[in-house]
């Protein structure tokens, strides 16, 4: 919808649930029972069974109708597809704690391709954008949707950042972008558990170790505490690394220059 891109936390489309911005605001949603990385890794059939077992009767009936509509009318129909409207309704219909999973399932049922997920992402609320990022590994077999990940990594929305560093990013982000995504998680407080494939991609990555050492040195020099996860990531880059808390040790490096 040209010229009507919604910034995270606002509603941009007809049919959006609740009062404007309610779902995108920090603290407006309770913790989901299926974390983001799990959403991205769970096969859709298993995710559907998990979700329907937790929904009430009315919400379950709505979800089944929404998935049937999306499967029967995939792609784009007119200015906005019916399944896109259902994505906007999901928080109100299924509850905010289940909305991410419902949206992932609708996107999958609609067989949304890279163009479709891009449209939904840039027209959507923060919550809808997050669901798109979770759905990417299920829907886009190549790097065509990387601009969505890159856009999310430029925000300071921690839930959007956590969704952006899932399995799709692990598969397609280049080493430079991926290292900066890890650093952004550290300084925004996103737990590194959200970073898919962290141990493999960080393994003996000397450049990431250098960046972590520089970051630790800057914080130590400023008298600021180090993120709890920093040493954990550093140990992936070099199993012999020591905690970087003392200023003299902040330059710990990896043992080779291997790219992830």
C-alpha atoms as a PDB file:
ATOM      1  CA  UNK A   1       0.000   0.000   0.000  1.00  0.00           C
ATOM      2  CA  UNK A   2       2.202   2.808  -1.296  1.00  0.00           C
ATOM      3  CA  UNK A   3       2.625   5.768   0.995  1.00  0.00           C
ATOM      4  CA  UNK A   4       0.901   4.092   3.937  1.00  0.00           C
ATOM      5  CA  UNK A   5       3.712   2.052   5.476  1.00  0.00           C
ATOM      6  CA  UNK A   6       3.018   1.709   9.153  1.00  0.00           C
ATOM      7  CA  UNK A   7       5.782   2.348  11.598  1.00  0.00           C
ATOM      8  CA  UNK A   8       6.126  -0.382  14.250  1.00  0.00           C
ATOM      9  CA  UNK A   9       3.407  -0.052  16.844  1.00  0.00           C
ATOM     10  CA  UNK A  10       0.748   1.477  14.606  1.00  0.00           C
ATOM     11  CA  UNK A  11      -2.023   0.021  12.474  1.00  0.00           C
ATOM     12  CA  UNK A  12      -2.011   0.787   8.771  1.00  0.00           C
ATOM     13  CA  UNK A  13      -4.872  -1.229   7.346  1.00  0.00           C
ATOM     14  CA  UNK A  14      -8.584  -1.789   7.570  1.00  0.00           C
ATOM     15  CA  UNK A  15      -9.509  -4.742   9.719  1.00  0.00           C
ATOM     16  CA  UNK A  16      -6.636  -4.275  12.177  1.00  0.00           C
ATOM     17  CA  UNK A  17      -7.411  -5.493  15.646  1.00  0.00           C
ATOM     18  CA  UNK A  18      -8.051  -3.540  18.798  1.00  0.00           C
ATOM     19  CA  UNK A  19      -7.170   0.080  19.384  1.00  0.00           C
ATOM     20  CA  UNK A  20      -4.381   1.504  17.215  1.00  0.00           C
ATOM     21  CA  UNK A  21      -0.928   0.415  18.280  1.00  0.00           C
ATOM     22  CA  UNK A  22      -2.049  -1.777  21.180  1.00  0.00           C
ATOM     23  CA  UNK A  23      -0.334  -4.935  20.029  1.00  0.00           C
ATOM     24  CA  UNK A  24       2.882  -3.285  18.915  1.00  0.00           C
ATOM     25  CA  UNK A  25       3.586  -1.533  22.218  1.00  0.00           C
ATOM     26  CA  UNK A  26       6.101  -2.968  24.661  1.00  0.00           C
ATOM     27  CA  UNK A  27       4.312  -4.888  27.396  1.00  0.00           C
ATOM     28  CA  UNK A  28       1.010  -5.067  25.524  1.00  0.00           C
ATOM     29  CA  UNK A  29       1.412  -8.780  24.817  1.00  0.00           C
ATOM     30  CA  UNK A  30       1.939 -11.537  27.343  1.00  0.00           C
ATOM     31  CA  UNK A  31       4.796 -13.925  26.745  1.00  0.00           C
ATOM     32  CA  UNK A  32       4.001 -16.345  23.897  1.00  0.00           C
ATOM     33  CA  UNK A  33       4.006 -20.039  24.733  1.00  0.00           C
ATOM     34  CA  UNK A  34       6.057 -20.741  21.575  1.00  0.00           C
ATOM     35  CA  UNK A  35       9.210 -18.564  21.433  1.00  0.00           C
ATOM     36  CA  UNK A  36      10.208 -16.920  18.171  1.00  0.00           C
ATOM     37  CA  UNK A  37      13.075 -19.206  17.223  1.00  0.00           C
ATOM     38  CA  UNK A  38      10.833 -22.197  17.930  1.00  0.00           C
ATOM     39  CA  UNK A  39       8.128 -20.692  15.709  1.00  0.00           C
ATOM     40  CA  UNK A  40      10.627 -20.429  12.885  1.00  0.00           C
ATOM     41  CA  UNK A  41      11.824 -24.012  13.304  1.00  0.00           C
ATOM     42  CA  UNK A  42       8.550 -25.837  13.996  1.00  0.00           C
ATOM     43  CA  UNK A  43       6.917 -27.532  10.964  1.00  0.00           C
ATOM     44  CA  UNK A  44       3.569 -25.858  10.201  1.00  0.00           C
ATOM     45  CA  UNK A  45       1.526 -29.024  10.842  1.00  0.00           C
ATOM     46  CA  UNK A  46       3.086 -29.383  14.280  1.00  0.00           C
ATOM     47  CA  UNK A  47       2.656 -25.681  14.982  1.00  0.00           C
ATOM     48  CA  UNK A  48      -1.033 -25.878  14.040  1.00  0.00           C
ATOM     49  CA  UNK A  49      -1.592 -28.807  16.399  1.00  0.00           C
ATOM     50  CA  UNK A  50       0.235 -26.970  19.186  1.00  0.00           C
ATOM     51  CA  UNK A  51      -1.816 -23.819  18.684  1.00  0.00           C
ATOM     52  CA  UNK A  52      -5.263 -25.344  18.258  1.00  0.00           C
ATOM     53  CA  UNK A  53      -4.776 -27.323  21.472  1.00  0.00           C
ATOM     54  CA  UNK A  54      -4.395 -24.029  23.329  1.00  0.00           C
ATOM     55  CA  UNK A  55      -7.156 -21.949  21.764  1.00  0.00           C
ATOM     56  CA  UNK A  56     -10.713 -21.657  23.004  1.00  0.00           C
ATOM     57  CA  UNK A  57     -13.607 -22.854  20.880  1.00  0.00           C
ATOM     58  CA  UNK A  58     -14.326 -19.551  19.136  1.00  0.00           C
ATOM     59  CA  UNK A  59     -10.671 -18.784  18.459  1.00  0.00           C
ATOM     60  CA  UNK A  60     -10.062 -22.278  17.145  1.00  0.00           C
ATOM     61  CA  UNK A  61     -13.017 -22.022  14.766  1.00  0.00           C
ATOM     62  CA  UNK A  62     -11.796 -18.632  13.546  1.00  0.00           C
ATOM     63  CA  UNK A  63      -8.301 -19.996  12.917  1.00  0.00           C
ATOM     64  CA  UNK A  64      -9.620 -22.956  10.911  1.00  0.00           C
ATOM     65  CA  UNK A  65     -11.720 -20.608   8.757  1.00  0.00           C
ATOM     66  CA  UNK A  66      -8.801 -18.245   8.263  1.00  0.00           C
ATOM     67  CA  UNK A  67      -6.490 -21.073   7.191  1.00  0.00           C
ATOM     68  CA  UNK A  68      -9.095 -22.520   4.833  1.00  0.00           C
ATOM     69  CA  UNK A  69      -9.624 -19.077   3.246  1.00  0.00           C
ATOM     70  CA  UNK A  70      -5.905 -18.564   2.821  1.00  0.00           C
ATOM     71  CA  UNK A  71      -5.457 -21.992   1.237  1.00  0.00           C
ATOM     72  CA  UNK A  72      -8.411 -21.481  -1.097  1.00  0.00           C
ATOM     73  CA  UNK A  73      -7.420 -17.937  -2.150  1.00  0.00           C
ATOM     74  CA  UNK A  74      -3.621 -17.602  -2.017  1.00  0.00           C
ATOM     75  CA  UNK A  75      -1.754 -14.792  -3.676  1.00  0.00           C
ATOM     76  CA  UNK A  76      -3.076 -11.269  -4.188  1.00  0.00           C
ATOM     77  CA  UNK A  77      -6.720 -10.404  -4.895  1.00  0.00           C
ATOM     78  CA  UNK A  78      -7.536  -6.726  -5.233  1.00  0.00           C
ATOM     79  CA  UNK A  79      -5.891  -4.073  -3.062  1.00  0.00           C
ATOM     80  CA  UNK A  80      -5.656  -6.492  -0.140  1.00  0.00           C
ATOM     81  CA  UNK A  81      -6.189 -10.240   0.120  1.00  0.00           C
ATOM     82  CA  UNK A  82      -8.629 -11.738   2.587  1.00  0.00           C
ATOM     83  CA  UNK A  83      -5.814 -13.634   4.289  1.00  0.00           C
ATOM     84  CA  UNK A  84      -3.981 -10.353   4.900  1.00  0.00           C
ATOM     85  CA  UNK A  85      -7.045  -9.078   6.729  1.00  0.00           C
ATOM     86  CA  UNK A  86      -7.011 -12.241   8.831  1.00  0.00           C
ATOM     87  CA  UNK A  87      -3.371 -11.585   9.710  1.00  0.00           C
ATOM     88  CA  UNK A  88      -4.436  -8.172  10.987  1.00  0.00           C
ATOM     89  CA  UNK A  89      -7.253  -9.733  13.057  1.00  0.00           C
ATOM     90  CA  UNK A  90      -5.179 -12.484  14.647  1.00  0.00           C
ATOM     91  CA  UNK A  91      -4.320 -10.703  17.884  1.00  0.00           C
ATOM     92  CA  UNK A  92      -7.956  -9.902  18.623  1.00  0.00           C
ATOM     93  CA  UNK A  93      -9.241 -13.310  17.556  1.00  0.00           C
ATOM     94  CA  UNK A  94      -6.612 -15.604  19.059  1.00  0.00           C
ATOM     95  CA  UNK A  95      -5.212 -13.446  21.836  1.00  0.00           C
ATOM     96  CA  UNK A  96      -1.887 -11.607  21.615  1.00  0.00           C
ATOM     97  CA  UNK A  97       0.033 -14.500  23.158  1.00  0.00           C
ATOM     98  CA  UNK A  98      -0.992 -16.759  20.245  1.00  0.00           C
ATOM     99  CA  UNK A  99      -1.063 -14.181  17.443  1.00  0.00           C
ATOM    100  CA  UNK A 100       2.466 -14.784  16.160  1.00  0.00           C
ATOM    101  CA  UNK A 101       1.799 -18.493  15.655  1.00  0.00           C
ATOM    102  CA  UNK A 102      -1.565 -17.839  14.003  1.00  0.00           C
ATOM    103  CA  UNK A 103      -0.021 -15.352  11.583  1.00  0.00           C
ATOM    104  CA  UNK A 104       2.800 -17.724  10.669  1.00  0.00           C
ATOM    105  CA  UNK A 105       0.211 -20.403   9.881  1.00  0.00           C
ATOM    106  CA  UNK A 106      -1.883 -18.026   7.751  1.00  0.00           C
ATOM    107  CA  UNK A 107       1.166 -16.934   5.766  1.00  0.00           C
ATOM    108  CA  UNK A 108       2.059 -20.569   5.168  1.00  0.00           C
ATOM    109  CA  UNK A 109      -1.502 -21.515   4.164  1.00  0.00           C
ATOM    110  CA  UNK A 110      -1.526 -18.600   1.697  1.00  0.00           C
ATOM    111  CA  UNK A 111       1.749 -19.836   0.217  1.00  0.00           C
ATOM    112  CA  UNK A 112       3.084 -16.302   0.506  1.00  0.00           C
ATOM    113  CA  UNK A 113       6.163 -15.801  -1.662  1.00  0.00           C
ATOM    114  CA  UNK A 114       8.930 -13.219  -1.274  1.00  0.00           C
ATOM    115  CA  UNK A 115       6.808 -10.474  -2.855  1.00  0.00           C
ATOM    116  CA  UNK A 116       3.826 -11.244  -0.623  1.00  0.00           C
ATOM    117  CA  UNK A 117       5.783 -11.342   2.621  1.00  0.00           C
ATOM    118  CA  UNK A 118       7.525  -8.116   1.652  1.00  0.00           C
ATOM    119  CA  UNK A 119       4.157  -6.416   1.133  1.00  0.00           C
ATOM    120  CA  UNK A 120       2.780  -7.720   4.432  1.00  0.00           C
ATOM    121  CA  UNK A 121       5.934  -6.707   6.288  1.00  0.00           C
ATOM    122  CA  UNK A 122       6.105  -3.121   5.065  1.00  0.00           C
ATOM    123  CA  UNK A 123       2.360  -2.538   5.441  1.00  0.00           C
ATOM    124  CA  UNK A 124       2.147  -4.188   8.822  1.00  0.00           C
ATOM    125  CA  UNK A 125       2.409  -3.397  12.502  1.00  0.00           C
ATOM    126  CA  UNK A 126       5.428  -4.397  14.555  1.00  0.00           C
ATOM    127  CA  UNK A 127       3.608  -7.587  15.556  1.00  0.00           C
ATOM    128  CA  UNK A 128       2.792  -8.460  11.932  1.00  0.00           C
ATOM    129  CA  UNK A 129       6.366  -7.755  10.873  1.00  0.00           C
ATOM    130  CA  UNK A 130       7.595 -10.058  13.594  1.00  0.00           C
ATOM    131  CA  UNK A 131       5.372 -12.862  12.342  1.00  0.00           C
ATOM    132  CA  UNK A 132       6.679 -12.400   8.798  1.00  0.00           C
ATOM    133  CA  UNK A 133      10.243 -12.793  10.054  1.00  0.00           C
ATOM    134  CA  UNK A 134       9.298 -15.975  11.912  1.00  0.00           C
ATOM    135  CA  UNK A 135       7.651 -17.333   8.761  1.00  0.00           C
ATOM    136  CA  UNK A 136      10.553 -16.694   6.360  1.00  0.00           C
ATOM    137  CA  UNK A 137      12.263 -20.092   6.806  1.00  0.00           C
ATOM    138  CA  UNK A 138       8.951 -21.794   5.933  1.00  0.00           C
ATOM    139  CA  UNK A 139       8.257 -19.690   2.843  1.00  0.00           C
ATOM    140  CA  UNK A 140      11.297 -18.207   1.122  1.00  0.00           C
ATOM    141  CA  UNK A 141      13.897 -20.727  -0.066  1.00  0.00           C
ATOM    142  CA  UNK A 142      16.510 -18.149  -1.065  1.00  0.00           C
ATOM    143  CA  UNK A 143      17.933 -14.795   0.071  1.00  0.00           C
ATOM    144  CA  UNK A 144      15.243 -12.664  -1.625  1.00  0.00           C
ATOM    145  CA  UNK A 145      13.720 -11.623   1.712  1.00  0.00           C
ATOM    146  CA  UNK A 146      16.983 -10.434   3.274  1.00  0.00           C
ATOM    147  CA  UNK A 147      15.900  -6.753   2.989  1.00  0.00           C
ATOM    148  CA  UNK A 148      13.225  -7.501   5.606  1.00  0.00           C
ATOM    149  CA  UNK A 149      15.805  -8.883   8.017  1.00  0.00           C
ATOM    150  CA  UNK A 150      18.073  -5.915   7.356  1.00  0.00           C
ATOM    151  CA  UNK A 151      15.205  -3.497   8.015  1.00  0.00           C
ATOM    152  CA  UNK A 152      14.364  -5.189  11.317  1.00  0.00           C
ATOM    153  CA  UNK A 153      18.009  -5.082  12.390  1.00  0.00           C
ATOM    154  CA  UNK A 154      17.974  -1.288  12.031  1.00  0.00           C
ATOM    155  CA  UNK A 155      15.260  -0.946  14.681  1.00  0.00           C
ATOM    156  CA  UNK A 156      15.562  -0.878  18.456  1.00  0.00           C
ATOM    157  CA  UNK A 157      12.420  -2.990  18.943  1.00  0.00           C
ATOM    158  CA  UNK A 158      13.880  -5.929  20.880  1.00  0.00           C
ATOM    159  CA  UNK A 159      11.133  -8.383  19.909  1.00  0.00           C
ATOM    160  CA  UNK A 160      11.588  -7.504  16.247  1.00  0.00           C
ATOM    161  CA  UNK A 161      15.353  -7.887  16.601  1.00  0.00           C
ATOM    162  CA  UNK A 162      14.911 -11.289  18.219  1.00  0.00           C
ATOM    163  CA  UNK A 163      12.738 -12.408  15.307  1.00  0.00           C
ATOM    164  CA  UNK A 164      15.239 -11.042  12.786  1.00  0.00           C
ATOM    165  CA  UNK A 165      18.137 -13.193  14.033  1.00  0.00           C
ATOM    166  CA  UNK A 166      16.298 -16.474  13.529  1.00  0.00           C
ATOM    167  CA  UNK A 167      17.172 -19.317  11.146  1.00  0.00           C
ATOM    168  CA  UNK A 168      16.635 -17.284   7.975  1.00  0.00           C
ATOM    169  CA  UNK A 169      19.289 -14.786   9.058  1.00  0.00           C
ATOM    170  CA  UNK A 170      21.601 -17.608  10.127  1.00  0.00           C
ATOM    171  CA  UNK A 171      21.304 -19.075   6.651  1.00  0.00           C
ATOM    172  CA  UNK A 172      21.598 -15.975   4.482  1.00  0.00           C
ATOM    173  CA  UNK A 173      23.133 -12.985   6.284  1.00  0.00           C
ATOM    174  CA  UNK A 174      26.699 -12.427   5.176  1.00  0.00           C
ATOM    175  CA  UNK A 175      29.412 -12.601   7.888  1.00  0.00           C
ATOM    176  CA  UNK A 176      29.723  -8.815   8.268  1.00  0.00           C
ATOM    177  CA  UNK A 177      25.976  -8.260   8.718  1.00  0.00           C
ATOM    178  CA  UNK A 178      25.621 -11.288  10.979  1.00  0.00           C
ATOM    179  CA  UNK A 179      28.403 -10.146  13.323  1.00  0.00           C
ATOM    180  CA  UNK A 180      26.809  -6.720  13.648  1.00  0.00           C
ATOM    181  CA  UNK A 181      23.451  -8.392  14.367  1.00  0.00           C
ATOM    182  CA  UNK A 182      25.042 -10.337  17.239  1.00  0.00           C
ATOM    183  CA  UNK A 183      26.560  -7.140  18.626  1.00  0.00           C
ATOM    184  CA  UNK A 184      23.218  -5.362  18.369  1.00  0.00           C
ATOM    185  CA  UNK A 185      21.607  -8.145  20.394  1.00  0.00           C
ATOM    186  CA  UNK A 186      24.245  -7.660  23.081  1.00  0.00           C
ATOM    187  CA  UNK A 187      23.856  -3.904  23.415  1.00  0.00           C
ATOM    188  CA  UNK A 188      20.047  -3.903  23.201  1.00  0.00           C
ATOM    189  CA  UNK A 189      19.673  -6.753  25.699  1.00  0.00           C
ATOM    190  CA  UNK A 190      18.233  -9.351  23.320  1.00  0.00           C
ATOM    191  CA  UNK A 191      19.258 -12.752  24.763  1.00  0.00           C
ATOM    192  CA  UNK A 192      21.693 -14.504  22.450  1.00  0.00           C
ATOM    193  CA  UNK A 193      19.519 -17.612  22.757  1.00  0.00           C
ATOM    194  CA  UNK A 194      17.441 -15.877  20.067  1.00  0.00           C
ATOM    195  CA  UNK A 195      20.365 -16.011  17.604  1.00  0.00           C
ATOM    196  CA  UNK A 196      19.848 -19.134  15.541  1.00  0.00           C
ATOM    197  CA  UNK A 197      22.906 -21.283  14.832  1.00  0.00           C
ATOM    198  CA  UNK A 198      25.070 -19.026  17.002  1.00  0.00           C
ATOM    199  CA  UNK A 199      27.580 -21.697  17.984  1.00  0.00           C
ATOM    200  CA  UNK A 200      28.196 -22.788  14.388  1.00  0.00           C
ATOM    201  CA  UNK A 201      28.460 -19.327  12.848  1.00  0.00           C
ATOM    202  CA  UNK A 202      30.587 -17.898  15.662  1.00  0.00           C
ATOM    203  CA  UNK A 203      32.940 -20.880  15.812  1.00  0.00           C
ATOM    204  CA  UNK A 204      36.555 -19.650  15.715  1.00  0.00           C
ATOM    205  CA  UNK A 205      35.440 -16.380  14.097  1.00  0.00           C
ATOM    206  CA  UNK A 206      38.452 -14.139  14.788  1.00  0.00           C
ATOM    207  CA  UNK A 207      36.767 -11.002  13.446  1.00  0.00           C
ATOM    208  CA  UNK A 208      33.756 -11.450  15.731  1.00  0.00           C
ATOM    209  CA  UNK A 209      36.154 -12.012  18.638  1.00  0.00           C
ATOM    210  CA  UNK A 210      37.942  -8.759  17.785  1.00  0.00           C
ATOM    211  CA  UNK A 211      34.639  -6.872  17.651  1.00  0.00           C
ATOM    212  CA  UNK A 212      33.543  -8.334  20.977  1.00  0.00           C
ATOM    213  CA  UNK A 213      36.874  -7.385  22.546  1.00  0.00           C
ATOM    214  CA  UNK A 214      36.599  -3.815  21.260  1.00  0.00           C
ATOM    215  CA  UNK A 215      33.036  -3.551  22.525  1.00  0.00           C
ATOM    216  CA  UNK A 216      34.061  -4.886  25.945  1.00  0.00           C
ATOM    217  CA  UNK A 217      36.973  -2.440  26.104  1.00  0.00           C
ATOM    218  CA  UNK A 218      34.725   0.524  25.278  1.00  0.00           C
ATOM    219  CA  UNK A 219      32.212  -0.378  27.970  1.00  0.00           C
ATOM    220  CA  UNK A 220      34.901  -1.062  30.552  1.00  0.00           C
ATOM    221  CA  UNK A 221      36.611   2.252  29.817  1.00  0.00           C
ATOM    222  CA  UNK A 222      33.265   4.011  30.258  1.00  0.00           C
ATOM    223  CA  UNK A 223      32.668   2.255  33.583  1.00  0.00           C
ATOM    224  CA  UNK A 224      29.671   0.386  32.211  1.00  0.00           C
ATOM    225  CA  UNK A 225      28.887  -3.272  32.945  1.00  0.00           C
ATOM    226  CA  UNK A 226      29.367  -5.902  30.279  1.00  0.00           C
ATOM    227  CA  UNK A 227      26.329  -7.782  28.950  1.00  0.00           C
ATOM    228  CA  UNK A 228      26.047 -11.183  30.599  1.00  0.00           C
ATOM    229  CA  UNK A 229      25.961 -12.920  27.221  1.00  0.00           C
ATOM    230  CA  UNK A 230      29.169 -11.350  25.908  1.00  0.00           C
ATOM    231  CA  UNK A 231      31.574 -13.918  27.321  1.00  0.00           C
ATOM    232  CA  UNK A 232      29.281 -16.729  26.211  1.00  0.00           C
ATOM    233  CA  UNK A 233      29.536 -15.534  22.600  1.00  0.00           C
ATOM    234  CA  UNK A 234      33.272 -14.997  22.984  1.00  0.00           C
ATOM    235  CA  UNK A 235      33.773 -18.598  24.068  1.00  0.00           C
ATOM    236  CA  UNK A 236      32.164 -19.722  20.804  1.00  0.00           C
ATOM    237  CA  UNK A 237      34.743 -17.717  18.862  1.00  0.00           C
ATOM    238  CA  UNK A 238      37.668 -19.101  20.864  1.00  0.00           C
ATOM    239  CA  UNK A 239      37.207 -21.927  23.387  1.00  0.00           C
ATOM    240  CA  UNK A 240      40.353 -20.749  25.241  1.00  0.00           C
ATOM    241  CA  UNK A 241      39.043 -17.199  25.788  1.00  0.00           C
ATOM    242  CA  UNK A 242      38.953 -15.749  29.287  1.00  0.00           C
ATOM    243  CA  UNK A 243      36.289 -13.377  30.633  1.00  0.00           C
ATOM    244  CA  UNK A 244      36.869  -9.893  29.138  1.00  0.00           C
ATOM    245  CA  UNK A 245      35.863  -7.917  32.243  1.00  0.00           C
ATOM    246  CA  UNK A 246      39.341  -6.608  33.254  1.00  0.00           C
ATOM    247  CA  UNK A 247      40.439  -3.759  30.999  1.00  0.00           C
ATOM    248  CA  UNK A 248      43.786  -5.471  30.301  1.00  0.00           C
ATOM    249  CA  UNK A 249      41.998  -8.501  28.926  1.00  0.00           C
ATOM    250  CA  UNK A 250      39.539  -6.703  26.678  1.00  0.00           C
ATOM    251  CA  UNK A 251      41.533  -7.390  23.537  1.00  0.00           C
ATOM    252  CA  UNK A 252      41.107 -11.172  23.574  1.00  0.00           C
ATOM    253  CA  UNK A 253      41.216 -12.472  20.044  1.00  0.00           C
ATOM    254  CA  UNK A 254      40.211 -15.644  18.300  1.00  0.00           C
ATOM    255  CA  UNK A 255      42.805 -18.061  17.001  1.00  0.00           C
ATOM    256  CA  UNK A 256      42.257 -17.763  13.287  1.00  0.00           C
ATOM    257  CA  UNK A 257      40.580 -15.641  10.636  1.00  0.00           C
ATOM    258  CA  UNK A 258      37.945 -18.117   9.558  1.00  0.00           C
ATOM    259  CA  UNK A 259      34.766 -16.548   8.231  1.00  0.00           C
ATOM    260  CA  UNK A 260      31.429 -17.887   9.383  1.00  0.00           C
END
